[in-house]
Amino acid sequence: MNETLVTVVGNVATTPVSRVTANGPMVRFRLASTARYYDRTTGDWRSGHTNFLTVFAWRGLAENVTSSVALGDPVVVQGRLKVKQQDAGGAGSQGTLGVDIEAVALGHDLSRGTAAFRRVSRANPALTAGVGDAGAGDVEVGGAVAAGEAEPQFEPDPRGDAESAARDGFLPDREPEPAF
């Protein structure tokens, strides 16, 4: 089966909404992606058309997006494009209802800011307690940890100790080695 994979750069246009479904955690938000071009006559950058897409993420990616992404954040989303069609009501004609992206990878746009990466430990059973236990209906989780849930456990980066960080040039008191 051929899938249309796309990469879209834009800003989070709505607050991410998290839910626990029968298929596991899910997060959804709208993404605004605006084309920018240089107008030679005025010497200014101009905004073109803005596309709004709905981004869905599932399972572990959904958990990480919920704890990392907020309204207005610049992000890069890679995923499967889904164009929703509906019958326009006349002689077999169809109209476009909307465009979704089922994310397979999602992160902050580091050309527009910085981020600090933390690994999440999925081995802790307390983290997965309650996931998939929603029953028939979805349970609203929101952006915060609900009462009774465990805080996410983060594994240290393998280079996280000061000695290896200094050796690799990651400490601010030492200039990084030039790469040739």
N, C-alpha and C. Protein backbone atom coordinates (compact mmCIF):
# COMPACT_ATOMS: atom_id res chain seq x y z
N MET A 1 0.84 -1.17 0.00
CA MET A 1 0.00 0.00 0.00
C MET A 1 0.89 1.24 0.00
N ASN A 2 0.62 2.16 -0.90
CA ASN A 2 1.37 3.41 -0.95
C ASN A 2 0.73 4.42 -0.02
N GLU A 3 1.56 5.09 0.73
CA GLU A 3 1.10 6.14 1.63
C GLU A 3 1.78 7.43 1.22
N THR A 4 1.09 8.52 1.42
CA THR A 4 1.67 9.82 1.14
C THR A 4 2.27 10.37 2.41
N LEU A 5 3.60 10.36 2.49
CA LEU A 5 4.29 10.90 3.65
C LEU A 5 4.67 12.35 3.35
N VAL A 6 4.40 13.23 4.31
CA VAL A 6 4.69 14.64 4.15
C VAL A 6 5.48 15.14 5.36
N THR A 7 6.19 16.23 5.16
CA THR A 7 6.83 16.96 6.24
C THR A 7 6.31 18.38 6.17
N VAL A 8 5.75 18.86 7.27
CA VAL A 8 5.16 20.19 7.32
C VAL A 8 5.79 20.97 8.46
N VAL A 9 6.15 22.21 8.17
CA VAL A 9 6.71 23.12 9.17
C VAL A 9 5.66 24.18 9.45
N GLY A 10 5.39 24.44 10.73
CA GLY A 10 4.40 25.45 11.06
C GLY A 10 4.35 25.71 12.55
N ASN A 11 3.27 26.37 12.97
CA ASN A 11 3.06 26.68 14.39
C ASN A 11 1.83 25.95 14.90
N VAL A 12 1.87 25.54 16.15
CA VAL A 12 0.73 24.90 16.80
C VAL A 12 -0.35 25.99 16.95
N ALA A 13 -1.50 25.78 16.30
CA ALA A 13 -2.55 26.80 16.24
C ALA A 13 -3.63 26.62 17.30
N THR A 14 -3.74 25.43 17.88
CA THR A 14 -4.71 25.19 18.95
C THR A 14 -4.01 24.43 20.08
N THR A 15 -4.53 24.55 21.27
CA THR A 15 -3.97 23.83 22.40
C THR A 15 -4.10 22.33 22.16
N PRO A 16 -3.00 21.57 22.26
CA PRO A 16 -3.10 20.12 22.06
C PRO A 16 -4.07 19.49 23.07
N VAL A 17 -4.96 18.64 22.56
CA VAL A 17 -5.95 17.95 23.37
C VAL A 17 -5.58 16.48 23.44
N SER A 18 -5.41 15.96 24.65
CA SER A 18 -5.01 14.57 24.86
C SER A 18 -6.19 13.76 25.35
N ARG A 19 -6.25 12.52 24.90
CA ARG A 19 -7.28 11.58 25.35
C ARG A 19 -6.66 10.20 25.45
N VAL A 20 -7.23 9.38 26.31
CA VAL A 20 -6.85 7.98 26.36
C VAL A 20 -8.01 7.22 25.72
N THR A 21 -7.72 6.51 24.64
CA THR A 21 -8.74 5.77 23.91
C THR A 21 -8.50 4.28 24.10
N ALA A 22 -9.37 3.49 23.51
CA ALA A 22 -9.19 2.04 23.57
C ALA A 22 -7.91 1.61 22.87
N ASN A 23 -7.42 2.43 21.92
CA ASN A 23 -6.19 2.14 21.20
C ASN A 23 -4.96 2.73 21.87
N GLY A 24 -5.12 3.37 23.02
CA GLY A 24 -4.00 3.98 23.72
C GLY A 24 -4.10 5.49 23.71
N PRO A 25 -3.06 6.17 24.21
CA PRO A 25 -3.08 7.63 24.27
C PRO A 25 -3.10 8.24 22.87
N MET A 26 -3.77 9.39 22.76
CA MET A 26 -3.86 10.12 21.50
C MET A 26 -3.82 11.60 21.83
N VAL A 27 -3.18 12.39 20.96
CA VAL A 27 -3.20 13.84 21.08
C VAL A 27 -3.54 14.42 19.70
N ARG A 28 -4.26 15.55 19.73
CA ARG A 28 -4.69 16.18 18.49
C ARG A 28 -4.52 17.69 18.64
N PHE A 29 -4.06 18.35 17.56
CA PHE A 29 -4.00 19.80 17.53
C PHE A 29 -4.02 20.27 16.08
N ARG A 30 -4.30 21.56 15.88
CA ARG A 30 -4.28 22.16 14.55
C ARG A 30 -2.91 22.80 14.34
N LEU A 31 -2.42 22.68 13.13
CA LEU A 31 -1.13 23.22 12.74
C LEU A 31 -1.35 24.26 11.65
N ALA A 32 -0.78 25.44 11.82
CA ALA A 32 -0.85 26.50 10.80
C ALA A 32 0.50 26.57 10.10
N SER A 33 0.48 26.41 8.78
CA SER A 33 1.70 26.46 7.99
C SER A 33 1.54 27.55 6.93
N THR A 34 2.36 28.59 7.04
CA THR A 34 2.24 29.74 6.14
C THR A 34 3.45 29.81 5.23
N ALA A 35 3.19 29.91 3.93
CA ALA A 35 4.26 30.07 2.95
C ALA A 35 4.84 31.49 3.08
N ARG A 36 6.16 31.59 3.02
CA ARG A 36 6.81 32.91 3.06
C ARG A 36 7.63 33.07 1.78
N TYR A 37 7.61 34.27 1.22
CA TYR A 37 8.38 34.54 0.02
C TYR A 37 8.97 35.94 0.07
N TYR A 38 10.04 36.14 -0.69
CA TYR A 38 10.72 37.42 -0.73
C TYR A 38 10.19 38.23 -1.90
N ASP A 39 9.69 39.43 -1.61
CA ASP A 39 9.18 40.33 -2.64
C ASP A 39 10.32 41.26 -3.06
N ARG A 40 10.84 41.05 -4.28
CA ARG A 40 11.99 41.82 -4.74
C ARG A 40 11.66 43.30 -4.94
N THR A 41 10.42 43.60 -5.26
CA THR A 41 10.07 44.99 -5.52
C THR A 41 10.11 45.83 -4.25
N THR A 42 9.70 45.26 -3.11
CA THR A 42 9.70 46.00 -1.85
C THR A 42 10.90 45.66 -0.98
N GLY A 43 11.56 44.56 -1.26
CA GLY A 43 12.69 44.13 -0.45
C GLY A 43 12.28 43.54 0.89
N ASP A 44 11.04 43.11 1.01
CA ASP A 44 10.52 42.55 2.26
C ASP A 44 10.08 41.11 2.07
N TRP A 45 10.06 40.39 3.20
CA TRP A 45 9.48 39.05 3.21
C TRP A 45 7.97 39.19 3.38
N ARG A 46 7.23 38.40 2.65
CA ARG A 46 5.76 38.46 2.69
C ARG A 46 5.21 37.09 3.06
N SER A 47 4.04 37.11 3.66
CA SER A 47 3.34 35.87 3.99
C SER A 47 2.40 35.50 2.85
N GLY A 48 2.42 34.23 2.50
CA GLY A 48 1.50 33.72 1.49
C GLY A 48 0.29 33.09 2.15
N HIS A 49 -0.25 32.10 1.51
CA HIS A 49 -1.44 31.40 2.00
C HIS A 49 -1.10 30.57 3.24
N THR A 50 -2.02 30.52 4.21
CA THR A 50 -1.85 29.69 5.40
C THR A 50 -2.70 28.44 5.26
N ASN A 51 -2.08 27.29 5.41
CA ASN A 51 -2.79 26.01 5.42
C ASN A 51 -2.97 25.58 6.87
N PHE A 52 -4.17 25.13 7.20
CA PHE A 52 -4.45 24.59 8.53
C PHE A 52 -4.68 23.10 8.40
N LEU A 53 -3.93 22.32 9.17
CA LEU A 53 -4.04 20.87 9.14
C LEU A 53 -4.26 20.37 10.55
N THR A 54 -4.96 19.26 10.68
CA THR A 54 -5.14 18.62 11.98
C THR A 54 -4.09 17.54 12.12
N VAL A 55 -3.33 17.59 13.21
CA VAL A 55 -2.27 16.62 13.46
C VAL A 55 -2.73 15.69 14.57
N PHE A 56 -2.60 14.38 14.33
CA PHE A 56 -2.90 13.35 15.31
C PHE A 56 -1.62 12.60 15.62
N ALA A 57 -1.41 12.27 16.88
CA ALA A 57 -0.29 11.41 17.28
C ALA A 57 -0.84 10.37 18.25
N TRP A 58 -0.25 9.18 18.24
CA TRP A 58 -0.74 8.06 19.03
C TRP A 58 0.35 7.50 19.93
N ARG A 59 -0.06 6.80 20.96
CA ARG A 59 0.77 6.04 21.88
C ARG A 59 1.92 6.87 22.46
N GLY A 60 3.15 6.38 22.40
CA GLY A 60 4.29 7.06 23.02
C GLY A 60 4.53 8.45 22.47
N LEU A 61 4.36 8.60 21.15
CA LEU A 61 4.52 9.93 20.56
C LEU A 61 3.49 10.89 21.13
N ALA A 62 2.28 10.42 21.34
CA ALA A 62 1.22 11.28 21.91
C ALA A 62 1.59 11.72 23.32
N GLU A 63 2.11 10.81 24.13
CA GLU A 63 2.51 11.17 25.49
C GLU A 63 3.61 12.22 25.48
N ASN A 64 4.59 12.06 24.59
CA ASN A 64 5.69 13.01 24.51
C ASN A 64 5.23 14.36 23.99
N VAL A 65 4.34 14.37 23.01
CA VAL A 65 3.81 15.62 22.48
C VAL A 65 3.04 16.35 23.57
N THR A 66 2.23 15.62 24.34
CA THR A 66 1.44 16.23 25.41
C THR A 66 2.32 16.94 26.42
N SER A 67 3.47 16.36 26.75
CA SER A 67 4.32 16.97 27.76
C SER A 67 5.32 17.97 27.18
N SER A 68 5.40 18.09 25.85
CA SER A 68 6.44 18.93 25.26
C SER A 68 5.94 20.09 24.40
N VAL A 69 4.75 19.98 23.82
CA VAL A 69 4.30 20.95 22.82
C VAL A 69 3.15 21.77 23.38
N ALA A 70 3.19 23.08 23.10
CA ALA A 70 2.15 24.00 23.57
C ALA A 70 1.70 24.91 22.43
N LEU A 71 0.62 25.58 22.66
CA LEU A 71 0.06 26.54 21.71
C LEU A 71 1.12 27.55 21.28
N GLY A 72 1.25 27.74 19.97
CA GLY A 72 2.19 28.72 19.43
C GLY A 72 3.58 28.19 19.14
N ASP A 73 3.91 26.99 19.60
CA ASP A 73 5.25 26.44 19.38
C ASP A 73 5.50 26.20 17.89
N PRO A 74 6.72 26.54 17.40
CA PRO A 74 7.08 26.17 16.04
C PRO A 74 7.49 24.70 16.01
N VAL A 75 6.90 23.92 15.12
CA VAL A 75 7.16 22.49 15.07
C VAL A 75 7.39 22.02 13.64
N VAL A 76 7.99 20.85 13.54
CA VAL A 76 8.15 20.13 12.28
C VAL A 76 7.43 18.80 12.46
N VAL A 77 6.50 18.49 11.56
CA VAL A 77 5.71 17.27 11.67
C VAL A 77 5.94 16.42 10.42
N GLN A 78 6.25 15.16 10.63
CA GLN A 78 6.34 14.22 9.52
C GLN A 78 5.30 13.14 9.76
N GLY A 79 4.54 12.80 8.72
CA GLY A 79 3.52 11.78 8.91
C GLY A 79 2.77 11.46 7.64
N ARG A 80 1.72 10.66 7.82
CA ARG A 80 0.88 10.21 6.71
C ARG A 80 -0.23 11.22 6.46
N LEU A 81 -0.34 11.67 5.21
CA LEU A 81 -1.36 12.64 4.82
C LEU A 81 -2.69 11.92 4.61
N LYS A 82 -3.74 12.48 5.19
CA LYS A 82 -5.10 11.94 5.04
C LYS A 82 -6.00 13.09 4.61
N VAL A 83 -6.54 13.03 3.40
CA VAL A 83 -7.47 14.05 2.93
C VAL A 83 -8.88 13.49 3.10
N LYS A 84 -9.68 14.20 3.92
CA LYS A 84 -11.05 13.74 4.18
C LYS A 84 -11.96 14.32 3.10
N GLN A 85 -12.69 13.45 2.45
CA GLN A 85 -13.60 13.85 1.38
C GLN A 85 -15.04 13.70 1.85
N GLN A 86 -15.92 14.53 1.32
CA GLN A 86 -17.34 14.37 1.59
C GLN A 86 -18.10 14.59 0.30
N ASP A 87 -19.28 13.99 0.22
CA ASP A 87 -20.13 14.16 -0.94
C ASP A 87 -20.65 15.59 -0.95
N ALA A 88 -20.41 16.32 -2.04
CA ALA A 88 -20.84 17.72 -2.14
C ALA A 88 -22.32 17.84 -2.47
N GLY A 89 -22.98 16.70 -2.66
CA GLY A 89 -24.43 16.71 -2.83
C GLY A 89 -24.90 16.81 -4.26
N GLY A 90 -24.04 16.71 -5.20
CA GLY A 90 -24.53 16.83 -6.56
C GLY A 90 -23.81 15.95 -7.54
N ALA A 91 -24.50 15.05 -8.18
CA ALA A 91 -24.04 14.23 -9.30
C ALA A 91 -22.65 13.62 -9.09
N GLY A 92 -22.44 13.05 -7.93
CA GLY A 92 -21.19 12.36 -7.65
C GLY A 92 -20.01 13.27 -7.40
N SER A 93 -20.23 14.56 -7.28
CA SER A 93 -19.11 15.47 -7.00
C SER A 93 -18.72 15.37 -5.53
N GLN A 94 -17.46 15.54 -5.29
CA GLN A 94 -16.97 15.47 -3.91
C GLN A 94 -16.24 16.75 -3.56
N GLY A 95 -16.28 17.09 -2.28
CA GLY A 95 -15.56 18.24 -1.77
C GLY A 95 -14.60 17.79 -0.70
N THR A 96 -13.63 18.63 -0.40
CA THR A 96 -12.66 18.32 0.63
C THR A 96 -13.16 18.83 1.96
N LEU A 97 -13.21 17.94 2.93
CA LEU A 97 -13.67 18.29 4.27
C LEU A 97 -12.51 18.81 5.13
N GLY A 98 -11.34 18.25 4.96
CA GLY A 98 -10.19 18.67 5.74
C GLY A 98 -8.98 17.82 5.43
N VAL A 99 -7.84 18.24 5.97
CA VAL A 99 -6.60 17.52 5.76
C VAL A 99 -6.00 17.20 7.13
N ASP A 100 -5.69 15.92 7.33
CA ASP A 100 -5.10 15.45 8.58
C ASP A 100 -3.71 14.90 8.31
N ILE A 101 -2.89 14.94 9.35
CA ILE A 101 -1.60 14.26 9.31
C ILE A 101 -1.54 13.35 10.51
N GLU A 102 -1.32 12.06 10.26
CA GLU A 102 -1.08 11.10 11.34
C GLU A 102 0.42 11.08 11.55
N ALA A 103 0.88 11.74 12.60
CA ALA A 103 2.31 11.97 12.82
C ALA A 103 3.05 10.68 13.14
N VAL A 104 4.22 10.54 12.54
CA VAL A 104 5.15 9.47 12.90
C VAL A 104 6.37 10.05 13.59
N ALA A 105 6.63 11.34 13.37
CA ALA A 105 7.71 12.06 14.04
C ALA A 105 7.29 13.52 14.17
N LEU A 106 7.63 14.12 15.31
CA LEU A 106 7.21 15.49 15.56
C LEU A 106 8.20 16.10 16.53
N GLY A 107 8.61 17.33 16.26
CA GLY A 107 9.54 17.99 17.16
C GLY A 107 9.53 19.49 16.96
N HIS A 108 10.19 20.18 17.86
CA HIS A 108 10.30 21.62 17.76
C HIS A 108 11.20 22.00 16.58
N ASP A 109 10.89 23.13 15.95
CA ASP A 109 11.67 23.65 14.84
C ASP A 109 12.87 24.39 15.43
N LEU A 110 14.03 23.76 15.42
CA LEU A 110 15.21 24.32 16.07
C LEU A 110 15.85 25.44 15.27
N SER A 111 15.34 25.75 14.08
CA SER A 111 15.82 26.92 13.37
C SER A 111 15.21 28.18 13.97
N ARG A 112 14.22 28.02 14.85
CA ARG A 112 13.53 29.16 15.44
C ARG A 112 13.62 29.19 16.96
N GLY A 113 14.43 28.33 17.55
CA GLY A 113 14.58 28.33 19.01
C GLY A 113 15.42 27.15 19.44
N THR A 114 15.52 26.97 20.76
CA THR A 114 16.31 25.87 21.31
C THR A 114 15.40 24.94 22.10
N ALA A 115 15.89 23.77 22.38
CA ALA A 115 15.14 22.78 23.16
C ALA A 115 16.13 21.95 23.96
N ALA A 116 15.65 21.35 25.04
CA ALA A 116 16.45 20.44 25.84
C ALA A 116 15.79 19.07 25.77
N PHE A 117 16.51 18.08 25.29
CA PHE A 117 15.96 16.74 25.09
C PHE A 117 16.12 15.91 26.35
N ARG A 118 15.07 15.17 26.71
CA ARG A 118 15.10 14.23 27.83
C ARG A 118 14.52 12.91 27.36
N ARG A 119 15.20 11.82 27.65
CA ARG A 119 14.68 10.49 27.30
C ARG A 119 13.61 10.09 28.30
N VAL A 120 12.58 9.44 27.81
CA VAL A 120 11.50 8.97 28.67
C VAL A 120 11.67 7.47 28.86
N SER A 121 11.59 7.01 30.11
CA SER A 121 11.68 5.59 30.41
C SER A 121 10.30 4.97 30.33
N ARG A 122 10.09 4.07 29.40
CA ARG A 122 8.81 3.39 29.25
C ARG A 122 8.80 2.08 30.05
N ALA A 123 9.94 1.76 30.68
CA ALA A 123 10.04 0.50 31.42
C ALA A 123 9.32 0.58 32.76
N ASN A 124 9.04 1.77 33.26
CA ASN A 124 8.37 1.94 34.54
C ASN A 124 6.89 1.60 34.39
N PRO A 125 6.39 0.52 35.01
CA PRO A 125 4.99 0.13 34.84
C PRO A 125 4.02 1.18 35.37
N ALA A 126 4.45 2.01 36.30
CA ALA A 126 3.56 3.04 36.84
C ALA A 126 3.19 4.05 35.77
N LEU A 127 4.05 4.21 34.75
CA LEU A 127 3.75 5.15 33.68
C LEU A 127 2.63 4.66 32.79
N THR A 128 2.55 3.35 32.60
CA THR A 128 1.54 2.82 31.70
C THR A 128 0.27 2.44 32.43
N ALA A 129 0.23 2.59 33.76
CA ALA A 129 -0.99 2.28 34.50
C ALA A 129 -2.09 3.22 34.08
N GLY A 130 -3.22 2.67 33.75
CA GLY A 130 -4.36 3.47 33.34
C GLY A 130 -4.43 3.68 31.84
N VAL A 131 -3.35 3.43 31.10
CA VAL A 131 -3.39 3.58 29.66
C VAL A 131 -4.18 2.42 29.08
N GLY A 132 -5.18 2.74 28.32
CA GLY A 132 -6.03 1.73 27.72
C GLY A 132 -7.11 1.23 28.67
N ASP A 133 -7.20 1.75 29.89
CA ASP A 133 -8.21 1.32 30.84
C ASP A 133 -9.44 2.22 30.79
N ALA A 134 -9.60 2.96 29.70
CA ALA A 134 -10.65 3.97 29.65
C ALA A 134 -12.04 3.36 29.51
N GLY A 135 -12.11 2.15 29.06
CA GLY A 135 -13.42 1.52 28.88
C GLY A 135 -14.08 1.99 27.61
N ALA A 136 -15.42 2.15 27.64
CA ALA A 136 -16.15 2.49 26.43
C ALA A 136 -15.90 3.92 25.98
N GLY A 137 -15.77 4.86 26.89
CA GLY A 137 -15.61 6.27 26.51
C GLY A 137 -14.18 6.72 26.67
N ASP A 138 -13.89 7.86 26.04
CA ASP A 138 -12.57 8.44 26.18
C ASP A 138 -12.50 9.21 27.50
N VAL A 139 -11.32 9.26 28.07
CA VAL A 139 -11.10 10.00 29.30
C VAL A 139 -10.23 11.20 28.95
N GLU A 140 -10.70 12.39 29.28
CA GLU A 140 -9.92 13.59 29.03
C GLU A 140 -8.73 13.62 29.97
N VAL A 141 -7.53 13.76 29.41
CA VAL A 141 -6.33 13.79 30.21
C VAL A 141 -5.83 15.22 30.34
N GLY A 142 -5.93 16.01 29.27
CA GLY A 142 -5.45 17.39 29.30
C GLY A 142 -3.94 17.45 29.24
N GLY A 143 -3.39 18.63 29.46
CA GLY A 143 -1.95 18.81 29.36
C GLY A 143 -1.23 18.50 30.65
N ALA A 144 -1.92 18.37 31.75
CA ALA A 144 -1.27 18.14 33.04
C ALA A 144 -1.46 16.70 33.47
N VAL A 145 -0.68 16.29 34.44
CA VAL A 145 -0.80 14.95 34.97
C VAL A 145 -2.04 14.92 35.85
N ALA A 146 -2.93 13.97 35.57
CA ALA A 146 -4.16 13.85 36.35
C ALA A 146 -3.85 13.31 37.73
N ALA A 147 -4.74 13.55 38.66
CA ALA A 147 -4.55 13.10 40.04
C ALA A 147 -4.38 11.59 40.08
N GLY A 148 -3.40 11.14 40.82
CA GLY A 148 -3.17 9.71 40.98
C GLY A 148 -2.23 9.13 39.94
N GLU A 149 -1.88 9.89 38.88
CA GLU A 149 -0.98 9.37 37.87
C GLU A 149 0.46 9.67 38.25
N ALA A 150 1.37 8.82 37.80
CA ALA A 150 2.78 9.02 38.08
C ALA A 150 3.36 10.05 37.13
N GLU A 151 4.31 10.82 37.64
CA GLU A 151 5.04 11.74 36.78
C GLU A 151 5.91 10.91 35.84
N PRO A 152 6.16 11.38 34.60
CA PRO A 152 7.04 10.64 33.70
C PRO A 152 8.43 10.51 34.29
N GLN A 153 9.04 9.36 34.10
CA GLN A 153 10.39 9.12 34.57
C GLN A 153 11.34 9.29 33.40
N PHE A 154 12.39 10.07 33.57
CA PHE A 154 13.32 10.32 32.50
C PHE A 154 14.63 9.63 32.79
N GLU A 155 15.17 9.00 31.74
CA GLU A 155 16.47 8.35 31.86
C GLU A 155 17.54 9.41 31.60
N PRO A 156 18.66 9.33 32.31
CA PRO A 156 19.74 10.27 32.01
C PRO A 156 20.33 9.97 30.64
N ASP A 157 20.80 11.01 30.00
CA ASP A 157 21.50 10.85 28.73
C ASP A 157 22.77 10.06 29.00
N PRO A 158 23.14 9.12 28.11
CA PRO A 158 24.36 8.33 28.35
C PRO A 158 25.59 9.21 28.52
N ARG A 159 25.60 10.41 27.93
CA ARG A 159 26.72 11.32 28.09
C ARG A 159 26.45 12.30 29.22
N GLY A 160 25.49 12.01 30.09
CA GLY A 160 25.02 12.95 31.08
C GLY A 160 25.97 13.26 32.21
N ASP A 161 27.01 12.45 32.43
CA ASP A 161 27.91 12.75 33.54
C ASP A 161 28.88 13.85 33.12
N ALA A 162 29.34 14.62 34.08
CA ALA A 162 30.18 15.79 33.81
C ALA A 162 31.49 15.41 33.13
N GLU A 163 32.05 14.25 33.51
CA GLU A 163 33.33 13.85 32.93
C GLU A 163 33.21 13.61 31.43
N SER A 164 32.21 12.84 31.01
CA SER A 164 32.07 12.57 29.57
C SER A 164 31.61 13.82 28.84
N ALA A 165 30.82 14.68 29.49
CA ALA A 165 30.39 15.92 28.84
C ALA A 165 31.58 16.83 28.60
N ALA A 166 32.50 16.92 29.58
CA ALA A 166 33.70 17.74 29.41
C ALA A 166 34.59 17.16 28.31
N ARG A 167 34.73 15.83 28.30
CA ARG A 167 35.56 15.18 27.29
C ARG A 167 35.01 15.42 25.90
N ASP A 168 33.68 15.42 25.75
CA ASP A 168 33.06 15.60 24.44
C ASP A 168 32.84 17.06 24.09
N GLY A 169 33.20 17.96 24.98
CA GLY A 169 33.08 19.38 24.67
C GLY A 169 31.69 19.94 24.86
N PHE A 170 30.89 19.37 25.77
CA PHE A 170 29.53 19.82 25.97
C PHE A 170 29.37 20.80 27.13
N LEU A 171 30.42 21.03 27.88
CA LEU A 171 30.31 21.97 28.99
C LEU A 171 30.63 23.38 28.50
N PRO A 172 29.95 24.38 29.05
CA PRO A 172 30.15 25.74 28.56
C PRO A 172 31.53 26.31 28.85
N ASP A 173 32.27 25.74 29.81
CA ASP A 173 33.58 26.30 30.12
C ASP A 173 34.66 25.79 29.18
N ARG A 174 34.29 24.98 28.21
CA ARG A 174 35.26 24.48 27.25
C ARG A 174 34.70 24.63 25.84
N GLU A 175 35.50 25.17 24.95
CA GLU A 175 35.05 25.34 23.57
C GLU A 175 35.00 23.99 22.90
N PRO A 176 33.98 23.74 22.07
CA PRO A 176 33.92 22.47 21.35
C PRO A 176 35.06 22.36 20.34
N GLU A 177 35.46 21.13 20.11
CA GLU A 177 36.52 20.86 19.14
C GLU A 177 35.99 21.19 17.74
N PRO A 178 36.81 21.83 16.90
CA PRO A 178 36.36 22.12 15.52
C PRO A 178 36.25 20.82 14.72
N ALA A 179 35.20 20.72 13.93
CA ALA A 179 34.99 19.53 13.10
C ALA A 179 35.55 19.78 11.71
N PHE A 180 36.42 18.87 11.23
CA PHE A 180 37.00 19.03 9.92
C PHE A 180 36.54 17.94 9.01
